[in-house]
PDB file of N, CA and C in Angstrom:
ATOM      1  N   MET A   1     -41.992  -9.044 -23.053  1.00  0.00           N
ATOM      2  CA  MET A   1     -41.447  -7.723 -23.236  1.00  0.00           C
ATOM      3  C   MET A   1     -40.739  -7.651 -24.589  1.00  0.00           C
ATOM      4  N   LYS A   2     -40.977  -6.575 -25.361  1.00  0.00           N
ATOM      5  CA  LYS A   2     -40.350  -6.413 -26.670  1.00  0.00           C
ATOM      6  C   LYS A   2     -38.886  -6.022 -26.518  1.00  0.00           C
ATOM      7  N   LEU A   3     -38.092  -6.368 -27.536  1.00  0.00           N
ATOM      8  CA  LEU A   3     -36.669  -6.037 -27.498  1.00  0.00           C
ATOM      9  C   LEU A   3     -36.445  -4.538 -27.408  1.00  0.00           C
ATOM     10  N   SER A   4     -37.281  -3.756 -28.103  1.00  0.00           N
ATOM     11  CA  SER A   4     -37.090  -2.308 -28.095  1.00  0.00           C
ATOM     12  C   SER A   4     -37.409  -1.697 -26.744  1.00  0.00           C
ATOM     13  N   ASP A   5     -38.201  -2.375 -25.920  1.00  0.00           N
ATOM     14  CA  ASP A   5     -38.533  -1.864 -24.597  1.00  0.00           C
ATOM     15  C   ASP A   5     -37.426  -2.138 -23.574  1.00  0.00           C
ATOM     16  N   ILE A   6     -36.579  -3.106 -23.826  1.00  0.00           N
ATOM     17  CA  ILE A   6     -35.557  -3.500 -22.856  1.00  0.00           C
ATOM     18  C   ILE A   6     -34.420  -2.485 -22.807  1.00  0.00           C
ATOM     19  N   LEU A   7     -33.838  -2.155 -23.962  1.00  0.00           N
ATOM     20  CA  LEU A   7     -32.739  -1.196 -24.009  1.00  0.00           C
ATOM     21  C   LEU A   7     -33.312   0.203 -24.161  1.00  0.00           C
ATOM     22  N   LYS A   8     -33.126   1.048 -23.153  1.00  0.00           N
ATOM     23  CA  LYS A   8     -33.662   2.412 -23.204  1.00  0.00           C
ATOM     24  C   LYS A   8     -32.725   3.341 -23.963  1.00  0.00           C
ATOM     25  N   LYS A   9     -31.458   3.418 -23.542  1.00  0.00           N
ATOM     26  CA  LYS A   9     -30.498   4.288 -24.206  1.00  0.00           C
ATOM     27  C   LYS A   9     -29.084   3.872 -23.817  1.00  0.00           C
ATOM     28  N   PRO A  10     -28.107   4.178 -24.665  1.00  0.00           N
ATOM     29  CA  PRO A  10     -26.715   3.931 -24.282  1.00  0.00           C
ATOM     30  C   PRO A  10     -26.247   5.036 -23.342  1.00  0.00           C
ATOM     31  N   LEU A  11     -25.390   4.696 -22.408  1.00  0.00           N
ATOM     32  CA  LEU A  11     -24.826   5.688 -21.497  1.00  0.00           C
ATOM     33  C   LEU A  11     -23.418   6.014 -21.968  1.00  0.00           C
ATOM     34  N   ILE A  12     -23.200   7.267 -22.350  1.00  0.00           N
ATOM     35  CA  ILE A  12     -21.907   7.673 -22.885  1.00  0.00           C
ATOM     36  C   ILE A  12     -21.323   8.740 -21.956  1.00  0.00           C
ATOM     37  N   THR A  13     -20.323   8.337 -21.175  1.00  0.00           N
ATOM     38  CA  THR A  13     -19.618   9.231 -20.265  1.00  0.00           C
ATOM     39  C   THR A  13     -18.128   8.948 -20.401  1.00  0.00           C
ATOM     40  N   GLU A  14     -17.316   9.701 -19.683  1.00  0.00           N
ATOM     41  CA  GLU A  14     -15.876   9.451 -19.719  1.00  0.00           C
ATOM     42  C   GLU A  14     -15.554   8.061 -19.191  1.00  0.00           C
ATOM     43  N   LYS A  15     -16.249   7.680 -18.113  1.00  0.00           N
ATOM     44  CA  LYS A  15     -15.998   6.376 -17.512  1.00  0.00           C
ATOM     45  C   LYS A  15     -16.398   5.232 -18.448  1.00  0.00           C
ATOM     46  N   THR A  16     -17.545   5.373 -19.112  1.00  0.00           N
ATOM     47  CA  THR A  16     -17.987   4.305 -20.011  1.00  0.00           C
ATOM     48  C   THR A  16     -17.139   4.243 -21.273  1.00  0.00           C
ATOM     49  N   SER A  17     -16.559   5.380 -21.698  1.00  0.00           N
ATOM     50  CA  SER A  17     -15.698   5.327 -22.882  1.00  0.00           C
ATOM     51  C   SER A  17     -14.416   4.557 -22.597  1.00  0.00           C
ATOM     52  N   VAL A  18     -13.956   4.563 -21.344  1.00  0.00           N
ATOM     53  CA  VAL A  18     -12.810   3.734 -20.962  1.00  0.00           C
ATOM     54  C   VAL A  18     -13.208   2.259 -21.022  1.00  0.00           C
ATOM     55  N   LEU A  19     -14.425   1.938 -20.560  1.00  0.00           N
ATOM     56  CA  LEU A  19     -14.910   0.556 -20.629  1.00  0.00           C
ATOM     57  C   LEU A  19     -15.068   0.096 -22.076  1.00  0.00           C
ATOM     58  N   ASN A  20     -15.460   1.018 -22.978  1.00  0.00           N
ATOM     59  CA  ASN A  20     -15.647   0.657 -24.378  1.00  0.00           C
ATOM     60  C   ASN A  20     -14.365   0.137 -24.998  1.00  0.00           C
ATOM     61  N   THR A  21     -13.221   0.663 -24.592  1.00  0.00           N
ATOM     62  CA  THR A  21     -11.943   0.186 -25.128  1.00  0.00           C
ATOM     63  C   THR A  21     -11.653  -1.244 -24.676  1.00  0.00           C
ATOM     64  N   GLN A  22     -12.297  -1.682 -23.583  1.00  0.00           N
ATOM     65  CA  GLN A  22     -12.126  -3.046 -23.076  1.00  0.00           C
ATOM     66  C   GLN A  22     -13.200  -3.994 -23.595  1.00  0.00           C
ATOM     67  N   GLY A  23     -14.076  -3.513 -24.486  1.00  0.00           N
ATOM     68  CA  GLY A  23     -15.132  -4.366 -25.029  1.00  0.00           C
ATOM     69  C   GLY A  23     -16.344  -4.469 -24.124  1.00  0.00           C
ATOM     70  N   ARG A  24     -16.550  -3.475 -23.261  1.00  0.00           N
ATOM     71  CA  ARG A  24     -17.706  -3.468 -22.358  1.00  0.00           C
ATOM     72  C   ARG A  24     -18.519  -2.202 -22.644  1.00  0.00           C
ATOM     73  N   TYR A  25     -19.830  -2.361 -22.763  1.00  0.00           N
ATOM     74  CA  TYR A  25     -20.710  -1.257 -23.119  1.00  0.00           C
ATOM     75  C   TYR A  25     -21.806  -1.120 -22.080  1.00  0.00           C
ATOM     76  N   VAL A  26     -22.236   0.121 -21.820  1.00  0.00           N
ATOM     77  CA  VAL A  26     -23.176   0.401 -20.738  1.00  0.00           C
ATOM     78  C   VAL A  26     -24.481   0.950 -21.326  1.00  0.00           C
ATOM     79  N   PHE A  27     -25.606   0.388 -20.877  1.00  0.00           N
ATOM     80  CA  PHE A  27     -26.929   0.800 -21.327  1.00  0.00           C
ATOM     81  C   PHE A  27     -27.823   1.073 -20.129  1.00  0.00           C
ATOM     82  N   ALA A  28     -28.753   2.013 -20.284  1.00  0.00           N
ATOM     83  CA  ALA A  28     -29.862   2.151 -19.348  1.00  0.00           C
ATOM     84  C   ALA A  28     -30.925   1.180 -19.840  1.00  0.00           C
ATOM     85  N   VAL A  29     -31.435   0.334 -18.959  1.00  0.00           N
ATOM     86  CA  VAL A  29     -32.374  -0.704 -19.357  1.00  0.00           C
ATOM     87  C   VAL A  29     -33.641  -0.624 -18.512  1.00  0.00           C
ATOM     88  N   ASP A  30     -34.666  -1.356 -18.929  1.00  0.00           N
ATOM     89  CA  ASP A  30     -35.913  -1.418 -18.184  1.00  0.00           C
ATOM     90  C   ASP A  30     -35.669  -2.094 -16.837  1.00  0.00           C
ATOM     91  N   ARG A  31     -36.329  -1.596 -15.794  1.00  0.00           N
ATOM     92  CA  ARG A  31     -36.078  -2.109 -14.441  1.00  0.00           C
ATOM     93  C   ARG A  31     -36.499  -3.561 -14.263  1.00  0.00           C
ATOM     94  N   GLN A  32     -37.484  -4.040 -15.025  1.00  0.00           N
ATOM     95  CA  GLN A  32     -37.945  -5.416 -14.866  1.00  0.00           C
ATOM     96  C   GLN A  32     -37.199  -6.407 -15.763  1.00  0.00           C
ATOM     97  N   SER A  33     -36.298  -5.946 -16.623  1.00  0.00           N
ATOM     98  CA  SER A  33     -35.619  -6.844 -17.546  1.00  0.00           C
ATOM     99  C   SER A  33     -34.579  -7.697 -16.820  1.00  0.00           C
ATOM    100  N   THR A  34     -34.433  -8.923 -17.297  1.00  0.00           N
ATOM    101  CA  THR A  34     -33.461  -9.855 -16.717  1.00  0.00           C
ATOM    102  C   THR A  34     -32.173  -9.834 -17.533  1.00  0.00           C
ATOM    103  N   LYS A  35     -31.147 -10.475 -17.006  1.00  0.00           N
ATOM    104  CA  LYS A  35     -29.866 -10.521 -17.712  1.00  0.00           C
ATOM    105  C   LYS A  35     -29.993 -11.244 -19.048  1.00  0.00           C
ATOM    106  N   LYS A  36     -30.789 -12.302 -19.078  1.00  0.00           N
ATOM    107  CA  LYS A  36     -30.984 -13.040 -20.337  1.00  0.00           C
ATOM    108  C   LYS A  36     -31.685 -12.185 -21.382  1.00  0.00           C
ATOM    109  N   GLU A  37     -32.691 -11.421 -20.952  1.00  0.00           N
ATOM    110  CA  GLU A  37     -33.404 -10.547 -21.882  1.00  0.00           C
ATOM    111  C   GLU A  37     -32.484  -9.448 -22.416  1.00  0.00           C
ATOM    112  N   ILE A  38     -31.643  -8.903 -21.549  1.00  0.00           N
ATOM    113  CA  ILE A  38     -30.700  -7.870 -21.971  1.00  0.00           C
ATOM    114  C   ILE A  38     -29.703  -8.445 -22.969  1.00  0.00           C
ATOM    115  N   LYS A  39     -29.197  -9.641 -22.676  1.00  0.00           N
ATOM    116  CA  LYS A  39     -28.248 -10.298 -23.578  1.00  0.00           C
ATOM    117  C   LYS A  39     -28.874 -10.525 -24.956  1.00  0.00           C
ATOM    118  N   ASN A  40     -30.091 -11.049 -24.987  1.00  0.00           N
ATOM    119  CA  ASN A  40     -30.762 -11.299 -26.269  1.00  0.00           C
ATOM    120  C   ASN A  40     -31.028 -10.005 -27.027  1.00  0.00           C
ATOM    121  N   ALA A  41     -31.405  -8.945 -26.318  1.00  0.00           N
ATOM    122  CA  ALA A  41     -31.698  -7.666 -26.967  1.00  0.00           C
ATOM    123  C   ALA A  41     -30.439  -7.078 -27.613  1.00  0.00           C
ATOM    124  N   VAL A  42     -29.315  -7.124 -26.901  1.00  0.00           N
ATOM    125  CA  VAL A  42     -28.070  -6.586 -27.447  1.00  0.00           C
ATOM    126  C   VAL A  42     -27.605  -7.417 -28.637  1.00  0.00           C
ATOM    127  N   GLU A  43     -27.684  -8.743 -28.520  1.00  0.00           N
ATOM    128  CA  GLU A  43     -27.248  -9.603 -29.616  1.00  0.00           C
ATOM    129  C   GLU A  43     -28.099  -9.405 -30.867  1.00  0.00           C
ATOM    130  N   LYS A  44     -29.410  -9.253 -30.711  1.00  0.00           N
ATOM    131  CA  LYS A  44     -30.288  -9.085 -31.867  1.00  0.00           C
ATOM    132  C   LYS A  44     -30.183  -7.686 -32.473  1.00  0.00           C
ATOM    133  N   ASN A  45     -30.091  -6.652 -31.632  1.00  0.00           N
ATOM    134  CA  ASN A  45     -30.043  -5.282 -32.144  1.00  0.00           C
ATOM    135  C   ASN A  45     -28.715  -4.933 -32.799  1.00  0.00           C
ATOM    136  N   PHE A  46     -27.595  -5.417 -32.242  1.00  0.00           N
ATOM    137  CA  PHE A  46     -26.282  -5.003 -32.723  1.00  0.00           C
ATOM    138  C   PHE A  46     -25.503  -6.119 -33.413  1.00  0.00           C
ATOM    139  N   LYS A  47     -26.066  -7.340 -33.476  1.00  0.00           N
ATOM    140  CA  LYS A  47     -25.439  -8.482 -34.155  1.00  0.00           C
ATOM    141  C   LYS A  47     -24.014  -8.732 -33.654  1.00  0.00           C
ATOM    142  N   VAL A  48     -23.902  -8.870 -32.324  1.00  0.00           N
ATOM    143  CA  VAL A  48     -22.635  -9.176 -31.672  1.00  0.00           C
ATOM    144  C   VAL A  48     -22.852 -10.356 -30.732  1.00  0.00           C
ATOM    145  N   LYS A  49     -21.760 -10.927 -30.212  1.00  0.00           N
ATOM    146  CA  LYS A  49     -21.827 -12.038 -29.267  1.00  0.00           C
ATOM    147  C   LYS A  49     -21.544 -11.512 -27.866  1.00  0.00           C
ATOM    148  N   VAL A  50     -22.514 -11.669 -26.965  1.00  0.00           N
ATOM    149  CA  VAL A  50     -22.389 -11.188 -25.588  1.00  0.00           C
ATOM    150  C   VAL A  50     -21.840 -12.303 -24.710  1.00  0.00           C
ATOM    151  N   ILE A  51     -20.786 -11.988 -23.950  1.00  0.00           N
ATOM    152  CA  ILE A  51     -20.185 -12.959 -23.039  1.00  0.00           C
ATOM    153  C   ILE A  51     -20.831 -12.873 -21.661  1.00  0.00           C
ATOM    154  N   GLY A  52     -21.041 -11.647 -21.162  1.00  0.00           N
ATOM    155  CA  GLY A  52     -21.598 -11.497 -19.826  1.00  0.00           C
ATOM    156  C   GLY A  52     -22.359 -10.198 -19.671  1.00  0.00           C
ATOM    157  N   VAL A  53     -23.249 -10.178 -18.681  1.00  0.00           N
ATOM    158  CA  VAL A  53     -24.047  -8.992 -18.382  1.00  0.00           C
ATOM    159  C   VAL A  53     -24.016  -8.750 -16.878  1.00  0.00           C
ATOM    160  N   GLN A  54     -23.694  -7.525 -16.472  1.00  0.00           N
ATOM    161  CA  GLN A  54     -23.767  -7.113 -15.077  1.00  0.00           C
ATOM    162  C   GLN A  54     -24.846  -6.046 -14.983  1.00  0.00           C
ATOM    163  N   THR A  55     -25.730  -6.164 -13.994  1.00  0.00           N
ATOM    164  CA  THR A  55     -26.783  -5.168 -13.829  1.00  0.00           C
ATOM    165  C   THR A  55     -26.616  -4.445 -12.495  1.00  0.00           C
ATOM    166  N   ILE A  56     -27.002  -3.173 -12.497  1.00  0.00           N
ATOM    167  CA  ILE A  56     -26.873  -2.345 -11.314  1.00  0.00           C
ATOM    168  C   ILE A  56     -28.153  -1.540 -11.156  1.00  0.00           C
ATOM    169  N   GLY A  57     -28.764  -1.593  -9.988  1.00  0.00           N
ATOM    170  CA  GLY A  57     -29.921  -0.766  -9.693  1.00  0.00           C
ATOM    171  C   GLY A  57     -29.450   0.588  -9.192  1.00  0.00           C
ATOM    172  N   VAL A  58     -29.914   1.660  -9.818  1.00  0.00           N
ATOM    173  CA  VAL A  58     -29.469   3.012  -9.474  1.00  0.00           C
ATOM    174  C   VAL A  58     -30.615   3.761  -8.806  1.00  0.00           C
ATOM    175  N   LYS A  59     -30.363   4.337  -7.637  1.00  0.00           N
ATOM    176  CA  LYS A  59     -31.360   5.127  -6.928  1.00  0.00           C
ATOM    177  C   LYS A  59     -31.520   6.474  -7.618  1.00  0.00           C
ATOM    178  N   GLY A  60     -32.764   6.926  -7.743  1.00  0.00           N
ATOM    179  CA  GLY A  60     -33.022   8.239  -8.318  1.00  0.00           C
ATOM    180  C   GLY A  60     -32.575   9.341  -7.378  1.00  0.00           C
ATOM    181  N   LYS A  61     -32.093  10.440  -7.949  1.00  0.00           N
ATOM    182  CA  LYS A  61     -31.616  11.555  -7.124  1.00  0.00           C
ATOM    183  C   LYS A  61     -32.784  12.384  -6.598  1.00  0.00           C
ATOM    184  N   LYS A  62     -32.552  13.031  -5.486  1.00  0.00           N
ATOM    185  CA  LYS A  62     -33.542  13.953  -4.929  1.00  0.00           C
ATOM    186  C   LYS A  62     -33.234  15.358  -5.445  1.00  0.00           C
ATOM    187  N   ARG A  63     -34.269  16.059  -5.869  1.00  0.00           N
ATOM    188  CA  ARG A  63     -34.127  17.425  -6.376  1.00  0.00           C
ATOM    189  C   ARG A  63     -35.005  18.347  -5.542  1.00  0.00           C
ATOM    190  N   ARG A  64     -34.577  19.603  -5.419  1.00  0.00           N
ATOM    191  CA  ARG A  64     -35.361  20.568  -4.672  1.00  0.00           C
ATOM    192  C   ARG A  64     -35.650  21.757  -5.576  1.00  0.00           C
ATOM    193  N   SER A  65     -36.900  22.139  -5.650  1.00  0.00           N
ATOM    194  CA  SER A  65     -37.303  23.293  -6.435  1.00  0.00           C
ATOM    195  C   SER A  65     -36.914  24.553  -5.678  1.00  0.00           C
ATOM    196  N   LEU A  66     -36.277  25.499  -6.359  1.00  0.00           N
ATOM    197  CA  LEU A  66     -35.844  26.720  -5.689  1.00  0.00           C
ATOM    198  C   LEU A  66     -37.028  27.613  -5.330  1.00  0.00           C
ATOM    199  N   ARG A  67     -38.019  27.630  -6.173  1.00  0.00           N
ATOM    200  CA  ARG A  67     -39.135  28.534  -5.954  1.00  0.00           C
ATOM    201  C   ARG A  67     -40.039  28.055  -4.815  1.00  0.00           C
ATOM    202  N   THR A  68     -40.417  26.785  -4.827  1.00  0.00           N
ATOM    203  CA  THR A  68     -41.365  26.285  -3.826  1.00  0.00           C
ATOM    204  C   THR A  68     -40.693  25.519  -2.692  1.00  0.00           C
ATOM    205  N   ARG A  69     -39.428  25.198  -2.847  1.00  0.00           N
ATOM    206  CA  ARG A  69     -38.650  24.442  -1.866  1.00  0.00           C
ATOM    207  C   ARG A  69     -39.219  23.055  -1.593  1.00  0.00           C
ATOM    208  N   LYS A  70     -39.939  22.513  -2.549  1.00  0.00           N
ATOM    209  CA  LYS A  70     -40.452  21.154  -2.400  1.00  0.00           C
ATOM    210  C   LYS A  70     -39.435  20.181  -2.975  1.00  0.00           C
ATOM    211  N   GLN A  71     -39.312  19.041  -2.307  1.00  0.00           N
ATOM    212  CA  GLN A  71     -38.400  18.017  -2.801  1.00  0.00           C
ATOM    213  C   GLN A  71     -39.146  17.048  -3.695  1.00  0.00           C
ATOM    214  N   THR A  72     -38.522  16.693  -4.798  1.00  0.00           N
ATOM    215  CA  THR A  72     -39.052  15.654  -5.667  1.00  0.00           C
ATOM    216  C   THR A  72     -37.942  14.638  -5.901  1.00  0.00           C
ATOM    217  N   ALA A  73     -38.323  13.438  -6.228  1.00  0.00           N
ATOM    218  CA  ALA A  73     -37.338  12.383  -6.462  1.00  0.00           C
ATOM    219  C   ALA A  73     -37.443  11.912  -7.904  1.00  0.00           C
ATOM    220  N   GLN A  74     -36.298  11.759  -8.538  1.00  0.00           N
ATOM    221  CA  GLN A  74     -36.287  11.163  -9.859  1.00  0.00           C
ATOM    222  C   GLN A  74     -36.521   9.663  -9.698  1.00  0.00           C
ATOM    223  N   ALA A  75     -36.989   9.037 -10.754  1.00  0.00           N
ATOM    224  CA  ALA A  75     -37.304   7.613 -10.695  1.00  0.00           C
ATOM    225  C   ALA A  75     -36.030   6.779 -10.571  1.00  0.00           C
ATOM    226  N   ASP A  76     -36.128   5.661  -9.864  1.00  0.00           N
ATOM    227  CA  ASP A  76     -35.029   4.699  -9.823  1.00  0.00           C
ATOM    228  C   ASP A  76     -34.906   4.077 -11.203  1.00  0.00           C
ATOM    229  N   TRP A  77     -33.679   3.669 -11.582  1.00  0.00           N
ATOM    230  CA  TRP A  77     -33.479   3.068 -12.887  1.00  0.00           C
ATOM    231  C   TRP A  77     -32.406   1.987 -12.788  1.00  0.00           C
ATOM    232  N   LYS A  78     -32.202   1.297 -13.881  1.00  0.00           N
ATOM    233  CA  LYS A  78     -31.293   0.154 -13.900  1.00  0.00           C
ATOM    234  C   LYS A  78     -30.327   0.319 -15.059  1.00  0.00           C
ATOM    235  N   LYS A  79     -29.058  -0.002 -14.818  1.00  0.00           N
ATOM    236  CA  LYS A  79     -28.102   0.020 -15.915  1.00  0.00           C
ATOM    237  C   LYS A  79     -27.446  -1.341 -16.041  1.00  0.00           C
ATOM    238  N   ALA A  80     -27.020  -1.642 -17.259  1.00  0.00           N
ATOM    239  CA  ALA A  80     -26.404  -2.932 -17.542  1.00  0.00           C
ATOM    240  C   ALA A  80     -25.057  -2.709 -18.218  1.00  0.00           C
ATOM    241  N   ILE A  81     -24.041  -3.419 -17.747  1.00  0.00           N
ATOM    242  CA  ILE A  81     -22.724  -3.415 -18.373  1.00  0.00           C
ATOM    243  C   ILE A  81     -22.607  -4.724 -19.136  1.00  0.00           C
ATOM    244  N   VAL A  82     -22.469  -4.612 -20.454  1.00  0.00           N
ATOM    245  CA  VAL A  82     -22.472  -5.776 -21.331  1.00  0.00           C
ATOM    246  C   VAL A  82     -21.061  -6.019 -21.845  1.00  0.00           C
ATOM    247  N   SER A  83     -20.537  -7.228 -21.629  1.00  0.00           N
ATOM    248  CA  SER A  83     -19.215  -7.600 -22.125  1.00  0.00           C
ATOM    249  C   SER A  83     -19.372  -8.380 -23.425  1.00  0.00           C
ATOM    250  N   LEU A  84     -18.608  -7.980 -24.439  1.00  0.00           N
ATOM    251  CA  LEU A  84     -18.697  -8.626 -25.744  1.00  0.00           C
ATOM    252  C   LEU A  84     -17.501  -9.534 -25.992  1.00  0.00           C
ATOM    253  N   LYS A  85     -17.689 -10.459 -26.955  1.00  0.00           N
ATOM    254  CA  LYS A  85     -16.612 -11.345 -27.381  1.00  0.00           C
ATOM    255  C   LYS A  85     -15.483 -10.488 -27.947  1.00  0.00           C
ATOM    256  N   GLN A  86     -14.243 -10.911 -27.738  1.00  0.00           N
ATOM    257  CA  GLN A  86     -13.105 -10.142 -28.220  1.00  0.00           C
ATOM    258  C   GLN A  86     -13.183  -9.975 -29.737  1.00  0.00           C
ATOM    259  N   GLY A  87     -13.005  -8.752 -30.199  1.00  0.00           N
ATOM    260  CA  GLY A  87     -13.095  -8.450 -31.625  1.00  0.00           C
ATOM    261  C   GLY A  87     -14.428  -7.841 -32.023  1.00  0.00           C
ATOM    262  N   ASP A  88     -15.488  -8.098 -31.256  1.00  0.00           N
ATOM    263  CA  ASP A  88     -16.791  -7.491 -31.533  1.00  0.00           C
ATOM    264  C   ASP A  88     -16.826  -6.083 -30.949  1.00  0.00           C
ATOM    265  N   LYS A  89     -17.551  -5.191 -31.637  1.00  0.00           N
ATOM    266  CA  LYS A  89     -17.752  -3.857 -31.089  1.00  0.00           C
ATOM    267  C   LYS A  89     -19.065  -3.296 -31.608  1.00  0.00           C
ATOM    268  N   ILE A  90     -19.592  -2.326 -30.879  1.00  0.00           N
ATOM    269  CA  ILE A  90     -20.839  -1.678 -31.238  1.00  0.00           C
ATOM    270  C   ILE A  90     -20.483  -0.304 -31.801  1.00  0.00           C
ATOM    271  N   ASP A  91     -20.839  -0.046 -33.047  1.00  0.00           N
ATOM    272  CA  ASP A  91     -20.456   1.203 -33.715  1.00  0.00           C
ATOM    273  C   ASP A  91     -21.134   2.423 -33.110  1.00  0.00           C
ATOM    274  N   LEU A  92     -22.242   2.229 -32.430  1.00  0.00           N
ATOM    275  CA  LEU A  92     -22.989   3.322 -31.820  1.00  0.00           C
ATOM    276  C   LEU A  92     -22.130   4.108 -30.834  1.00  0.00           C
ATOM    277  N   PHE A  93     -21.189   3.436 -30.184  1.00  0.00           N
ATOM    278  CA  PHE A  93     -20.363   4.061 -29.147  1.00  0.00           C
ATOM    279  C   PHE A  93     -19.065   4.647 -29.687  1.00  0.00           C
ATOM    280  N   GLU A  94     -18.714   4.326 -30.919  1.00  0.00           N
ATOM    281  CA  GLU A  94     -17.437   4.783 -31.456  1.00  0.00           C
ATOM    282  C   GLU A  94     -17.496   6.273 -31.767  1.00  0.00           C
ATOM    283  N   THR A  95     -16.501   7.021 -31.244  1.00  0.00           N
ATOM    284  CA  THR A  95     -16.473   8.472 -31.442  1.00  0.00           C
ATOM    285  C   THR A  95     -15.569   8.879 -32.575  1.00  0.00           C
ATOM    286  N   GLY A  96     -14.706   7.988 -33.035  1.00  0.00           N
ATOM    287  CA  GLY A  96     -13.794   8.313 -34.127  1.00  0.00           C
ATOM    288  C   GLY A  96     -12.522   8.988 -33.650  1.00  0.00           C
ATOM    289  N   ALA A  97     -12.312   9.088 -32.372  1.00  0.00           N
ATOM    290  CA  ALA A  97     -11.118   9.753 -31.844  1.00  0.00           C
ATOM    291  C   ALA A  97      -9.962   8.788 -31.764  1.00  0.00           C
TER     292      ALA A  97
END
């Protein structure tokens, strides 16, 4: 699996911005990726030292169309919380506030 396929997008919410101040960053990742692959992808893409990786499988939400009343399900996905060495940070998440 290529490094660019592992990290899908950063997750930026109020909750994750609190984690960012603690040196932990949250990404949506490929469902088949392992913790080692996620660690290597973050280290190579952002040139930081990763201490730990936590992964969470997220169930896709169910949606209902108003017009046809049919239910559809969004795809299940996986997120990873990456802890960095103290002093390292990823500029992508910095808001400047």
